[in-house]
Amino acid sequence: MQLIVTAGADEHINCPVRARVGVRDLGYGEKSLICEDGSRIPCQLFSEAGEDYVAWIESRLRPGETKTYRLETVAAGVGNAVEIEDIGDGKLEVRIGGKLLTRYHYGEQWPRPFLYPFIGPGGVAVTRHFPMRDDVEGEKLDHPHHRSIWVAYGEVNGTDNWSEGEGHAFIRHRKFEEVTGGPVFGRIRSVNSWVSAEGAKQMEDVREFTFYNCESERLMDVDVRFVATDGDVLLSDTKEGGVLSVRVATTMDGERGGLIVNSRGGSTESQTWGKPAEWVDYSGPVGDKTMGIAIMDSPASFRYPSRWHVRDYGLFTANPFALKYYEPDTGINGDHTIPNGQQIEFKYRVYVHEGGADQAEVAKHYADFVSPPEVRVEVG
């Protein structure tokens, strides 16, 4: 089997690539791609929605360049560079190259699941520690429901599944559909029930985190589906919520020298809050480095491009529903009802990097996300 990979007008560096192979019985897991010069790079065969795919990281592909690989079922010898282990107490630990990336906290001791900590390149933590820790000097101790990286929303059939105030709702882990490590990526896919304070189920979400084996940056794809499993679901217009939310490290806050920028030239909270954008980047100092987090929205997402509830005090979230808050003088309303048995989907890429948005070439990485190289598969 040959894979012919072609770049368009953009250069691709450390870009995740995947292709449907359409051939069964090759076996899943680590395999090899043999380059034209005879060198070998790791790839990963996996199944998704009943189809077989191969994935790898394209280290560099210049504009218009074409590469040809031969797929071999012999392992490249990398092993599970991305490891995911259940370490007990309702936590999965994700490691890349043996080093901690994050932990997925799903136990019922928490109101809802979250990722914490999140370690960027160079071993730097880029999300706030509070409320999981309260001993970090200089860290803000506000909004205890802002737990590092999480999914939540404030008005779901009238229930508050955002705050942790009196009478708040819960998101309860039900099961894992996939927990997979590999040479190219690791993946967590879970099913969760959204329930009121009294235990009445409102809906389900299916969330998927894909962590890529990259050295100079951290890439994570996030897919979230809201599923109306127990009747119609009304998602009411409120700014108190986000489909994918991040609380950045306090030293990165816009109030402390950090900078928010978006894909449409906006900068600072005043030009980015509530605005539609294909991506938003939040960068600032952490120790002796400048670190950044970009969230990129996919054209496949509901209400693409998202609007962003992003604040100088450190909150960073994709919220496409809060239209009456974003534009109170227009009379628009962001309510949406998911009919019973149906769903809506959101797809994001999280890019954690050193430097600001320009230095880290966030726009180029967004092109990798939405317009990856084309792959043609030839079976001999």
Protein backbone atom coordinates (compact mmCIF):
# COMPACT_ATOMS: atom_id res chain seq x y z
CA MET A 1 0.00 0.00 0.00
CA GLN A 2 1.27 3.44 -0.94
CA LEU A 3 0.22 6.76 0.58
CA ILE A 4 0.76 9.82 -1.62
CA VAL A 5 0.66 12.99 0.48
CA THR A 6 0.35 16.42 -1.15
CA ALA A 7 0.41 19.86 0.41
CA GLY A 8 -1.69 22.70 -0.91
CA ALA A 9 -0.64 26.33 -0.67
CA ASP A 10 0.38 26.02 2.97
CA GLU A 11 3.48 24.61 4.63
CA HIS A 12 2.79 21.92 7.23
CA ILE A 13 5.07 21.37 10.23
CA ASN A 14 4.37 18.73 12.89
CA CYS A 15 0.94 18.27 11.35
CA PRO A 16 -1.30 15.31 12.28
CA VAL A 17 -2.38 13.49 9.12
CA ARG A 18 -4.83 10.65 8.69
CA ALA A 19 -6.23 8.62 5.80
CA ARG A 20 -8.85 5.92 5.41
CA VAL A 21 -7.07 2.80 4.25
CA GLY A 22 -10.12 0.70 3.34
CA VAL A 23 -8.24 -2.58 3.84
CA ARG A 24 -9.11 -4.93 6.67
CA ASP A 25 -7.00 -7.42 8.63
CA LEU A 26 -3.87 -5.26 8.83
CA GLY A 27 -4.08 -5.22 12.62
CA TYR A 28 -4.33 -2.11 14.77
CA GLY A 29 -1.66 -0.21 16.65
CA GLU A 30 1.89 0.73 15.71
CA LYS A 31 3.06 0.25 12.11
CA SER A 32 5.64 1.91 9.84
CA LEU A 33 5.72 4.29 6.91
CA ILE A 34 8.76 3.80 4.69
CA CYS A 35 9.91 7.06 3.13
CA GLU A 36 11.31 7.39 -0.38
CA ASP A 37 14.85 7.55 1.06
CA GLY A 38 14.29 4.30 2.95
CA SER A 39 13.89 5.87 6.38
CA ARG A 40 11.06 4.79 8.66
CA ILE A 41 8.52 6.85 10.62
CA PRO A 42 5.90 5.53 13.04
CA CYS A 43 2.24 5.43 12.14
CA GLN A 44 -0.85 4.12 13.88
CA LEU A 45 -3.66 2.02 12.48
CA PHE A 46 -7.01 2.39 14.18
CA SER A 47 -10.74 1.99 13.66
CA GLU A 48 -13.28 4.80 13.75
CA ALA A 49 -17.01 4.59 12.98
CA GLY A 50 -16.48 1.19 11.39
CA GLU A 51 -13.69 2.31 9.06
CA ASP A 52 -9.94 1.67 9.27
CA TYR A 53 -7.52 4.61 9.26
CA VAL A 54 -3.81 5.28 9.42
CA ALA A 55 -2.42 8.34 11.22
CA TRP A 56 1.02 9.91 11.55
CA ILE A 57 2.72 13.23 12.26
CA GLU A 58 4.02 14.96 9.12
CA SER A 59 7.20 16.65 10.32
CA ARG A 60 7.46 19.04 7.37
CA LEU A 61 5.72 19.37 4.03
CA ARG A 62 6.48 22.44 1.96
CA PRO A 63 3.81 24.23 -0.11
CA GLY A 64 2.92 22.09 -3.12
CA GLU A 65 5.27 19.27 -2.07
CA THR A 66 4.35 15.61 -2.57
CA LYS A 67 5.71 12.67 -0.59
CA THR A 68 5.14 8.97 -1.16
CA TYR A 69 5.20 6.44 1.68
CA ARG A 70 4.91 2.66 1.74
CA LEU A 71 2.87 1.25 4.59
CA GLU A 72 4.40 -1.72 6.39
CA THR A 73 2.73 -3.66 9.16
CA VAL A 74 6.05 -3.99 11.02
CA ALA A 75 6.17 -1.75 14.11
CA ALA A 76 8.49 1.24 13.90
CA GLY A 77 9.78 0.54 17.40
CA VAL A 78 8.42 3.63 19.13
CA GLY A 79 5.82 1.87 21.25
CA ASN A 80 3.14 3.82 23.07
CA ALA A 81 4.75 7.25 22.99
CA VAL A 82 1.38 8.52 24.22
CA GLU A 83 0.41 6.51 27.29
CA ILE A 84 -2.90 6.66 29.13
CA GLU A 85 -3.15 4.88 32.47
CA ASP A 86 -5.91 4.61 35.06
CA ILE A 87 -4.10 5.61 38.26
CA GLY A 88 -7.10 5.17 40.53
CA ASP A 89 -9.22 7.64 42.52
CA GLY A 90 -11.17 8.50 39.36
CA LYS A 91 -8.18 9.68 37.31
CA LEU A 92 -6.61 8.79 33.98
CA GLU A 93 -3.02 9.97 33.51
CA VAL A 94 -1.77 10.98 30.06
CA ARG A 95 1.97 10.93 29.38
CA ILE A 96 3.93 11.80 26.23
CA GLY A 97 7.40 10.31 26.03
CA GLY A 98 7.08 9.30 29.67
CA LYS A 99 6.37 12.87 30.82
CA LEU A 100 3.09 14.01 32.33
CA LEU A 101 0.78 15.94 29.99
CA THR A 102 -2.46 15.93 31.97
CA ARG A 103 -4.83 13.89 34.10
CA TYR A 104 -8.52 13.38 33.32
CA HIS A 105 -10.46 13.61 36.59
CA TYR A 106 -13.79 11.83 36.24
CA GLY A 107 -14.62 10.67 39.77
CA GLU A 108 -17.85 11.63 41.55
CA GLN A 109 -15.96 13.62 44.19
CA TRP A 110 -16.02 16.44 41.59
CA PRO A 111 -19.14 18.20 40.25
CA ARG A 112 -18.03 17.50 36.69
CA PRO A 113 -14.99 16.01 34.86
CA PHE A 114 -11.95 18.10 33.95
CA LEU A 115 -8.33 17.95 32.78
CA TYR A 116 -5.68 19.06 35.29
CA PRO A 117 -2.86 19.92 35.24
CA PHE A 118 -2.04 20.69 31.62
CA ILE A 119 1.70 20.77 30.94
CA GLY A 120 2.99 22.65 27.91
CA PRO A 121 6.32 22.27 26.11
CA GLY A 122 9.30 22.66 28.40
CA GLY A 123 7.37 21.23 31.34
CA VAL A 124 5.45 24.45 32.02
CA ALA A 125 1.93 24.26 33.52
CA VAL A 126 -0.33 26.58 31.49
CA THR A 127 -3.60 26.31 33.44
CA ARG A 128 -4.48 27.59 36.90
CA HIS A 129 -3.99 25.22 39.86
CA PHE A 130 -6.84 26.54 42.03
CA PRO A 131 -9.15 25.07 43.27
CA MET A 132 -7.33 21.75 43.08
CA ARG A 133 -4.50 23.47 44.98
CA ASP A 134 -4.62 26.65 47.04
CA ASP A 135 -0.93 26.96 47.92
CA VAL A 136 0.42 28.57 44.72
CA GLU A 137 1.81 31.99 45.57
CA GLY A 138 0.11 34.87 43.76
CA GLU A 139 -2.61 32.74 42.19
CA LYS A 140 -6.15 34.09 42.03
CA LEU A 141 -8.69 32.20 44.13
CA ASP A 142 -11.89 33.35 42.39
CA HIS A 143 -14.45 31.24 40.49
CA PRO A 144 -13.78 27.82 42.08
CA HIS A 145 -15.79 26.17 39.29
CA HIS A 146 -13.07 27.12 36.77
CA ARG A 147 -11.19 23.82 36.88
CA SER A 148 -8.27 24.00 34.42
CA ILE A 149 -9.89 22.58 31.23
CA TRP A 150 -13.50 21.47 31.32
CA VAL A 151 -16.90 21.22 29.59
CA ALA A 152 -19.99 22.80 31.21
CA TYR A 153 -22.98 25.03 30.54
CA GLY A 154 -25.10 27.24 32.77
CA GLU A 155 -28.68 26.76 31.52
CA VAL A 156 -29.64 23.27 30.40
CA ASN A 157 -33.40 22.80 30.70
CA GLY A 158 -33.25 25.47 33.38
CA THR A 159 -30.52 23.76 35.42
CA ASP A 160 -27.15 25.36 36.23
CA ASN A 161 -24.37 23.04 35.12
CA TRP A 162 -21.66 25.72 35.24
CA SER A 163 -21.30 27.07 38.76
CA GLU A 164 -20.90 25.23 42.04
CA GLY A 165 -23.37 27.37 43.93
CA GLU A 166 -26.37 26.11 45.85
CA GLY A 167 -28.61 23.86 43.76
CA HIS A 168 -26.12 23.41 40.90
CA ALA A 169 -26.35 20.46 38.55
CA PHE A 170 -23.76 17.76 37.89
CA ILE A 171 -22.06 15.99 34.99
CA ARG A 172 -21.56 12.34 35.94
CA HIS A 173 -19.18 10.00 34.18
CA ARG A 174 -20.99 6.89 32.91
CA LYS A 175 -18.45 4.91 30.92
CA PHE A 176 -15.38 5.00 28.73
CA GLU A 177 -15.92 3.97 25.14
CA GLU A 178 -12.20 4.14 24.37
CA VAL A 179 -8.94 4.58 26.26
CA THR A 180 -6.09 4.06 23.82
CA GLY A 181 -2.39 4.82 23.72
CA GLY A 182 -0.14 4.70 20.69
CA PRO A 183 2.93 5.94 18.83
CA VAL A 184 1.08 8.83 17.17
CA PHE A 185 -1.81 9.64 19.49
CA GLY A 186 -3.70 8.58 22.57
CA ARG A 187 -7.43 8.95 22.97
CA ILE A 188 -10.05 9.14 25.70
CA ARG A 189 -13.72 8.88 24.72
CA SER A 190 -16.29 8.98 27.50
CA VAL A 191 -20.06 9.15 27.90
CA ASN A 192 -21.44 11.45 30.60
CA SER A 193 -24.89 12.20 32.04
CA TRP A 194 -25.97 15.76 32.80
CA VAL A 195 -28.24 15.64 35.84
CA SER A 196 -30.02 18.18 38.02
CA ALA A 197 -29.30 18.63 41.72
CA GLU A 198 -32.18 16.21 42.34
CA GLY A 199 -30.73 13.62 39.94
CA ALA A 200 -33.06 14.17 36.98
CA LYS A 201 -31.21 13.46 33.75
CA GLN A 202 -31.17 16.32 31.23
CA MET A 203 -28.99 14.95 28.43
CA GLU A 204 -25.75 13.12 27.66
CA ASP A 205 -22.48 14.24 26.21
CA VAL A 206 -19.94 12.14 24.36
CA ARG A 207 -16.53 13.79 24.64
CA GLU A 208 -13.34 12.72 22.96
CA PHE A 209 -9.82 13.95 23.69
CA THR A 210 -7.04 13.04 21.23
CA PHE A 211 -3.48 13.79 22.39
CA TYR A 212 -0.77 13.88 19.73
CA ASN A 213 2.87 12.86 20.07
CA CYS A 214 4.53 16.22 19.39
CA GLU A 215 7.73 17.46 21.06
CA SER A 216 7.97 21.21 20.46
CA GLU A 217 4.29 21.91 21.13
CA ARG A 218 1.23 20.19 22.54
CA LEU A 219 -1.76 19.40 20.34
CA MET A 220 -5.08 18.07 21.58
CA ASP A 221 -8.23 17.60 19.51
CA VAL A 222 -11.51 17.83 21.40
CA ASP A 223 -14.82 16.55 20.06
CA VAL A 224 -17.97 17.14 22.14
CA ARG A 225 -21.47 15.94 21.24
CA PHE A 226 -24.55 17.05 23.17
CA VAL A 227 -27.14 14.30 22.81
CA ALA A 228 -30.84 14.67 23.68
CA THR A 229 -31.38 11.24 25.24
CA ASP A 230 -34.24 12.04 27.62
CA GLY A 231 -36.52 14.48 25.81
CA ASP A 232 -35.89 17.84 24.17
CA VAL A 233 -32.93 19.83 25.52
CA LEU A 234 -33.12 23.63 25.78
CA LEU A 235 -29.73 25.34 25.88
CA SER A 236 -30.67 28.85 26.98
CA ASP A 237 -28.76 32.00 26.11
CA THR A 238 -26.27 32.73 28.91
CA LYS A 239 -22.66 33.80 29.14
CA GLU A 240 -22.25 31.46 32.13
CA GLY A 241 -20.90 28.49 30.26
CA GLY A 242 -18.67 27.15 27.56
CA VAL A 243 -18.51 24.04 25.44
CA LEU A 244 -14.74 23.97 25.91
CA SER A 245 -13.34 26.13 28.71
CA VAL A 246 -9.84 26.93 29.98
CA ARG A 247 -8.70 28.91 33.01
CA VAL A 248 -5.19 30.02 32.11
CA ALA A 249 -2.33 30.26 34.59
CA THR A 250 -2.81 33.45 36.63
CA THR A 251 0.48 34.95 35.45
CA MET A 252 -0.87 34.75 31.86
CA ASP A 253 -3.96 36.85 32.65
CA GLY A 254 -4.56 39.86 30.47
CA GLU A 255 -4.63 41.90 33.67
CA ARG A 256 -1.04 40.82 34.40
CA GLY A 257 0.64 41.27 31.05
CA GLY A 258 -0.97 38.50 29.02
CA LEU A 259 -2.53 39.07 25.61
CA ILE A 260 -5.70 37.78 23.94
CA VAL A 261 -5.76 37.84 20.13
CA ASN A 262 -8.09 36.29 17.56
CA SER A 263 -8.06 35.23 13.92
CA ARG A 264 -9.79 38.43 12.79
CA GLY A 265 -7.21 40.87 14.13
CA GLY A 266 -8.82 41.56 17.49
CA SER A 267 -6.65 41.93 20.59
CA THR A 268 -7.39 42.26 24.31
CA GLU A 269 -10.73 41.41 25.90
CA SER A 270 -12.40 44.52 24.50
CA GLN A 271 -11.88 43.39 20.90
CA THR A 272 -12.32 39.64 21.32
CA TRP A 273 -15.06 39.07 23.92
CA GLY A 274 -18.26 37.91 22.24
CA LYS A 275 -16.78 38.20 18.77
CA PRO A 276 -16.92 35.46 16.13
CA ALA A 277 -13.49 34.05 15.29
CA GLU A 278 -12.01 30.90 13.82
CA TRP A 279 -9.44 30.80 16.61
CA VAL A 280 -8.43 32.70 19.74
CA ASP A 281 -5.00 32.67 21.40
CA TYR A 282 -4.24 33.59 25.02
CA SER A 283 -0.55 34.07 25.85
CA GLY A 284 1.48 35.48 28.70
CA PRO A 285 4.38 34.93 31.09
CA VAL A 286 4.85 31.72 33.05
CA GLY A 287 8.10 31.73 34.98
CA ASP A 288 10.84 32.85 32.60
CA LYS A 289 8.90 31.86 29.47
CA THR A 290 6.05 33.25 27.43
CA MET A 291 3.46 30.51 26.92
CA GLY A 292 0.27 30.45 24.90
CA ILE A 293 -2.91 28.45 24.44
CA ALA A 294 -4.89 28.61 21.20
CA ILE A 295 -8.35 27.11 20.77
CA MET A 296 -9.33 26.53 17.16
CA ASP A 297 -12.89 25.97 16.00
CA SER A 298 -13.73 23.58 13.16
CA PRO A 299 -16.12 24.30 10.29
CA ALA A 300 -17.87 21.10 11.39
CA SER A 301 -18.86 22.68 14.71
CA PHE A 302 -22.35 23.88 15.54
CA ARG A 303 -22.58 27.66 14.92
CA TYR A 304 -19.09 27.90 13.44
CA PRO A 305 -17.24 30.16 13.85
CA SER A 306 -17.81 30.23 17.58
CA ARG A 307 -18.09 33.34 19.67
CA TRP A 308 -15.78 33.55 22.66
CA HIS A 309 -16.33 34.32 26.31
CA VAL A 310 -12.73 35.33 26.97
CA ARG A 311 -11.71 37.60 29.83
CA ASP A 312 -8.62 39.49 30.96
CA TYR A 313 -8.95 37.78 34.36
CA GLY A 314 -8.07 34.41 32.80
CA LEU A 315 -11.27 32.74 31.61
CA PHE A 316 -11.11 31.45 28.03
CA THR A 317 -14.11 29.60 26.63
CA ALA A 318 -15.95 28.88 23.39
CA ASN A 319 -19.59 29.86 23.93
CA PRO A 320 -21.68 30.21 20.75
CA PHE A 321 -24.97 30.62 22.66
CA ALA A 322 -24.66 33.91 24.62
CA LEU A 323 -25.81 36.16 21.79
CA LYS A 324 -28.06 38.45 23.86
CA TYR A 325 -25.10 39.13 26.15
CA TYR A 326 -22.65 39.70 23.34
CA GLU A 327 -24.98 42.03 21.43
CA PRO A 328 -27.63 43.25 23.89
CA ASP A 329 -28.84 46.06 21.63
CA THR A 330 -29.72 43.88 18.66
CA GLY A 331 -32.52 41.80 20.18
CA ILE A 332 -30.96 38.52 19.04
CA ASN A 333 -31.20 35.41 21.21
CA GLY A 334 -28.89 32.40 21.27
CA ASP A 335 -31.33 29.81 22.65
CA HIS A 336 -31.21 26.43 20.94
CA THR A 337 -33.36 23.33 21.42
CA ILE A 338 -31.98 19.89 20.59
CA PRO A 339 -35.01 17.71 19.70
CA ASN A 340 -35.27 14.38 21.50
CA GLY A 341 -33.04 11.78 19.87
CA GLN A 342 -30.88 14.32 18.05
CA GLN A 343 -27.51 15.90 18.78
CA ILE A 344 -25.20 18.81 18.05
CA GLU A 345 -21.43 18.56 17.73
CA PHE A 346 -18.41 20.75 18.41
CA LYS A 347 -14.85 20.13 17.22
CA TYR A 348 -11.80 22.02 18.46
CA ARG A 349 -8.03 21.82 18.42
CA VAL A 350 -6.04 23.06 21.40
CA TYR A 351 -2.51 24.20 20.57
CA VAL A 352 -0.18 24.91 23.52
CA HIS A 353 3.01 26.68 22.54
CA GLU A 354 5.91 28.88 23.57
CA GLY A 355 5.81 32.55 22.56
CA GLY A 356 2.94 34.70 21.40
CA ALA A 357 0.49 33.92 18.61
CA ASP A 358 2.68 35.35 15.84
CA GLN A 359 5.86 33.66 17.02
CA ALA A 360 4.02 30.33 17.39
CA GLU A 361 2.39 30.71 13.95
CA VAL A 362 -1.09 29.98 15.24
CA ALA A 363 -2.64 30.88 11.88
CA LYS A 364 -0.47 28.25 10.15
CA HIS A 365 -1.43 25.63 12.72
CA TYR A 366 -5.08 26.50 12.16
CA ALA A 367 -4.57 25.76 8.46
CA ASP A 368 -3.14 22.37 9.48
CA PHE A 369 -6.34 21.73 11.44
CA VAL A 370 -8.92 22.69 8.82
CA SER A 371 -6.93 22.02 5.61
CA PRO A 372 -4.47 19.19 6.26
CA PRO A 373 -2.47 17.68 3.40
CA GLU A 374 -4.40 15.54 0.95
CA VAL A 375 -3.69 11.81 1.00
CA ARG A 376 -4.29 9.35 -1.84
CA VAL A 377 -4.16 5.64 -1.01
CA GLU A 378 -3.04 3.16 -3.67
CA VAL A 379 -3.32 -0.55 -3.01
CA GLY A 380 -1.15 -2.74 -5.20
